[in-house]
N, C-alpha and C. Protein backbone atom coordinates (compact mmCIF):
# COMPACT_ATOMS: atom_id res chain seq x y z
N UNK A 1 11.23 -17.18 -2.22
CA UNK A 1 9.99 -16.45 -2.30
C UNK A 1 9.42 -16.65 -3.69
N UNK A 2 8.21 -17.11 -3.75
CA UNK A 2 7.53 -17.27 -5.04
C UNK A 2 7.02 -15.91 -5.49
N UNK A 3 7.20 -15.61 -6.76
CA UNK A 3 6.73 -14.32 -7.27
C UNK A 3 5.22 -14.27 -7.43
N UNK A 4 4.59 -15.43 -7.57
CA UNK A 4 3.13 -15.48 -7.60
C UNK A 4 2.65 -15.84 -6.21
N UNK A 5 1.63 -15.19 -5.75
CA UNK A 5 1.11 -15.44 -4.41
C UNK A 5 0.49 -16.83 -4.32
N UNK A 6 0.93 -17.61 -3.34
CA UNK A 6 0.34 -18.91 -3.07
C UNK A 6 0.70 -20.01 -4.06
N UNK A 7 1.75 -19.84 -4.84
CA UNK A 7 2.10 -20.87 -5.81
C UNK A 7 3.60 -20.84 -6.11
N UNK A 8 4.23 -22.03 -6.12
CA UNK A 8 5.64 -22.12 -6.48
C UNK A 8 5.82 -22.36 -7.96
N UNK A 9 4.76 -22.65 -8.66
CA UNK A 9 4.79 -22.82 -10.11
C UNK A 9 3.85 -21.82 -10.74
N UNK A 10 3.77 -21.85 -12.07
CA UNK A 10 2.86 -20.93 -12.76
C UNK A 10 1.43 -21.37 -12.50
N UNK A 11 0.59 -20.42 -12.19
CA UNK A 11 -0.82 -20.67 -11.96
C UNK A 11 -1.60 -19.51 -12.59
N UNK A 12 -2.36 -19.81 -13.62
CA UNK A 12 -3.11 -18.77 -14.34
C UNK A 12 -4.05 -18.04 -13.39
N UNK A 13 -4.23 -16.76 -13.65
CA UNK A 13 -5.16 -15.91 -12.88
C UNK A 13 -4.80 -15.80 -11.40
N UNK A 14 -3.51 -15.92 -11.10
CA UNK A 14 -3.04 -15.75 -9.72
C UNK A 14 -2.20 -14.48 -9.68
N UNK A 15 -2.47 -13.59 -8.73
CA UNK A 15 -1.73 -12.33 -8.69
C UNK A 15 -0.24 -12.52 -8.38
N UNK A 16 0.55 -11.61 -8.90
CA UNK A 16 1.98 -11.58 -8.63
C UNK A 16 2.25 -10.60 -7.50
N UNK A 17 3.33 -10.81 -6.82
CA UNK A 17 3.74 -9.86 -5.78
C UNK A 17 4.14 -8.54 -6.44
N UNK A 18 4.20 -7.50 -5.67
CA UNK A 18 4.57 -6.19 -6.21
C UNK A 18 6.09 -6.00 -6.11
N UNK A 19 6.58 -5.05 -6.88
CA UNK A 19 8.01 -4.70 -6.80
C UNK A 19 8.34 -4.26 -5.38
N UNK A 20 7.47 -3.48 -4.76
CA UNK A 20 7.72 -3.02 -3.39
C UNK A 20 7.82 -4.18 -2.41
N UNK A 21 6.96 -5.18 -2.58
CA UNK A 21 6.99 -6.34 -1.68
C UNK A 21 8.28 -7.13 -1.86
N UNK A 22 8.68 -7.35 -3.10
CA UNK A 22 9.92 -8.07 -3.36
C UNK A 22 11.12 -7.26 -2.87
N UNK A 23 11.09 -5.95 -3.07
CA UNK A 23 12.17 -5.08 -2.60
C UNK A 23 12.29 -5.15 -1.07
N UNK A 24 11.17 -5.16 -0.39
CA UNK A 24 11.18 -5.25 1.07
C UNK A 24 11.81 -6.57 1.52
N UNK A 25 11.46 -7.66 0.86
CA UNK A 25 12.04 -8.97 1.20
C UNK A 25 13.54 -9.00 0.91
N UNK A 26 13.95 -8.39 -0.18
CA UNK A 26 15.37 -8.32 -0.52
C UNK A 26 16.13 -7.48 0.51
N UNK A 27 15.57 -6.37 0.91
CA UNK A 27 16.20 -5.52 1.92
C UNK A 27 16.32 -6.24 3.26
N UNK A 28 15.29 -7.00 3.63
CA UNK A 28 15.33 -7.78 4.88
C UNK A 28 16.43 -8.83 4.81
N UNK A 29 16.50 -9.53 3.68
CA UNK A 29 17.53 -10.55 3.51
C UNK A 29 18.92 -9.93 3.59
N UNK A 30 19.08 -8.80 2.94
CA UNK A 30 20.37 -8.10 2.93
C UNK A 30 20.77 -7.67 4.34
N UNK A 31 19.82 -7.12 5.07
CA UNK A 31 20.09 -6.64 6.43
C UNK A 31 20.45 -7.79 7.38
N UNK A 32 19.99 -8.99 7.06
CA UNK A 32 20.24 -10.14 7.92
C UNK A 32 21.28 -11.10 7.34
N UNK A 33 22.05 -10.59 6.36
CA UNK A 33 23.13 -11.36 5.75
C UNK A 33 22.64 -12.69 5.18
N UNK A 34 21.50 -12.63 4.49
CA UNK A 34 20.89 -13.82 3.90
C UNK A 34 20.79 -13.68 2.39
N UNK A 35 20.47 -14.76 1.74
CA UNK A 35 20.18 -14.76 0.31
C UNK A 35 18.67 -14.77 0.11
N UNK A 36 18.23 -14.31 -1.04
CA UNK A 36 16.81 -14.36 -1.37
C UNK A 36 16.68 -15.08 -2.70
N UNK A 37 15.93 -16.16 -2.69
CA UNK A 37 15.65 -16.91 -3.91
C UNK A 37 14.29 -16.45 -4.42
N UNK A 38 14.27 -15.85 -5.60
CA UNK A 38 13.02 -15.40 -6.21
C UNK A 38 12.62 -16.44 -7.25
N UNK A 39 11.60 -17.22 -6.96
CA UNK A 39 11.16 -18.30 -7.84
C UNK A 39 10.20 -17.78 -8.90
N UNK A 40 10.51 -18.13 -10.17
CA UNK A 40 9.63 -17.81 -11.29
C UNK A 40 9.18 -19.12 -11.90
N UNK A 41 7.89 -19.42 -11.79
CA UNK A 41 7.36 -20.63 -12.41
C UNK A 41 7.05 -20.38 -13.87
N UNK A 42 7.60 -21.19 -14.79
CA UNK A 42 7.32 -20.99 -16.20
C UNK A 42 5.90 -21.40 -16.57
N UNK A 43 5.41 -20.80 -17.63
CA UNK A 43 4.09 -21.18 -18.16
C UNK A 43 4.20 -22.56 -18.82
N UNK A 44 3.07 -23.20 -19.15
CA UNK A 44 3.13 -24.54 -19.76
C UNK A 44 3.98 -24.61 -21.02
N UNK A 45 4.10 -23.51 -21.76
CA UNK A 45 4.92 -23.54 -22.98
C UNK A 45 6.40 -23.28 -22.71
N UNK A 46 6.78 -23.12 -21.42
CA UNK A 46 8.17 -22.91 -21.04
C UNK A 46 8.59 -21.45 -20.96
N UNK A 47 7.75 -20.54 -21.38
CA UNK A 47 8.09 -19.11 -21.31
C UNK A 47 7.78 -18.56 -19.92
N UNK A 48 8.40 -17.42 -19.63
CA UNK A 48 8.13 -16.77 -18.35
C UNK A 48 6.97 -15.80 -18.51
N UNK A 49 6.11 -15.72 -17.51
CA UNK A 49 5.00 -14.77 -17.57
C UNK A 49 5.53 -13.33 -17.65
N UNK A 50 4.90 -12.51 -18.46
CA UNK A 50 5.31 -11.12 -18.61
C UNK A 50 5.31 -10.38 -17.28
N UNK A 51 4.38 -10.71 -16.39
CA UNK A 51 4.32 -10.07 -15.07
C UNK A 51 5.58 -10.35 -14.27
N UNK A 52 6.08 -11.59 -14.37
CA UNK A 52 7.30 -11.95 -13.64
C UNK A 52 8.51 -11.23 -14.23
N UNK A 53 8.58 -11.15 -15.55
CA UNK A 53 9.68 -10.44 -16.20
C UNK A 53 9.67 -8.97 -15.80
N UNK A 54 8.49 -8.35 -15.80
CA UNK A 54 8.38 -6.94 -15.41
C UNK A 54 8.79 -6.75 -13.95
N UNK A 55 8.42 -7.67 -13.10
CA UNK A 55 8.77 -7.60 -11.68
C UNK A 55 10.29 -7.67 -11.49
N UNK A 56 10.93 -8.61 -12.16
CA UNK A 56 12.38 -8.74 -12.04
C UNK A 56 13.12 -7.55 -12.64
N UNK A 57 12.60 -7.01 -13.73
CA UNK A 57 13.20 -5.80 -14.31
C UNK A 57 13.06 -4.61 -13.35
N UNK A 58 11.91 -4.53 -12.68
CA UNK A 58 11.70 -3.46 -11.70
C UNK A 58 12.69 -3.54 -10.55
N UNK A 59 12.96 -4.75 -10.08
CA UNK A 59 13.95 -4.94 -9.02
C UNK A 59 15.34 -4.59 -9.54
N UNK A 60 15.62 -4.98 -10.77
CA UNK A 60 16.92 -4.66 -11.37
C UNK A 60 17.16 -3.17 -11.45
N UNK A 61 16.11 -2.41 -11.77
CA UNK A 61 16.26 -0.95 -11.84
C UNK A 61 16.57 -0.36 -10.46
N UNK A 62 16.07 -0.99 -9.41
CA UNK A 62 16.36 -0.49 -8.06
C UNK A 62 17.74 -0.92 -7.57
N UNK A 63 18.16 -2.12 -7.94
CA UNK A 63 19.44 -2.66 -7.46
C UNK A 63 20.62 -2.02 -8.21
N UNK A 64 20.45 -1.79 -9.49
CA UNK A 64 21.57 -1.31 -10.32
C UNK A 64 22.31 -0.12 -9.70
N UNK A 65 21.63 0.94 -9.26
CA UNK A 65 22.37 2.07 -8.68
C UNK A 65 23.07 1.71 -7.35
N UNK A 66 22.66 0.63 -6.72
CA UNK A 66 23.22 0.24 -5.43
C UNK A 66 24.15 -0.96 -5.52
N UNK A 67 24.54 -1.36 -6.71
CA UNK A 67 25.24 -2.62 -6.89
C UNK A 67 26.52 -2.75 -6.05
N UNK A 68 27.18 -1.67 -5.77
CA UNK A 68 28.38 -1.76 -4.93
C UNK A 68 28.02 -2.08 -3.48
N UNK A 69 26.81 -1.76 -3.08
CA UNK A 69 26.37 -2.06 -1.72
C UNK A 69 25.86 -3.48 -1.58
N UNK A 70 25.50 -4.10 -2.68
CA UNK A 70 25.01 -5.48 -2.65
C UNK A 70 26.15 -6.36 -2.97
């Protein structure tokens, strides 16, 4: 799953998915005994977009209390 809508790489001015949307995809994958690949396309300078970092941190905050279940 690409974190930016409609792009597997970094694309300026393209919206990112929400934490709720990524959480829903993760829950679906978990329920179906699958893996979820969350793709983060780096910016031209090699850094990660702040929106992607915030999204992954948001998922981490939700997963951390449930880590024994994952």
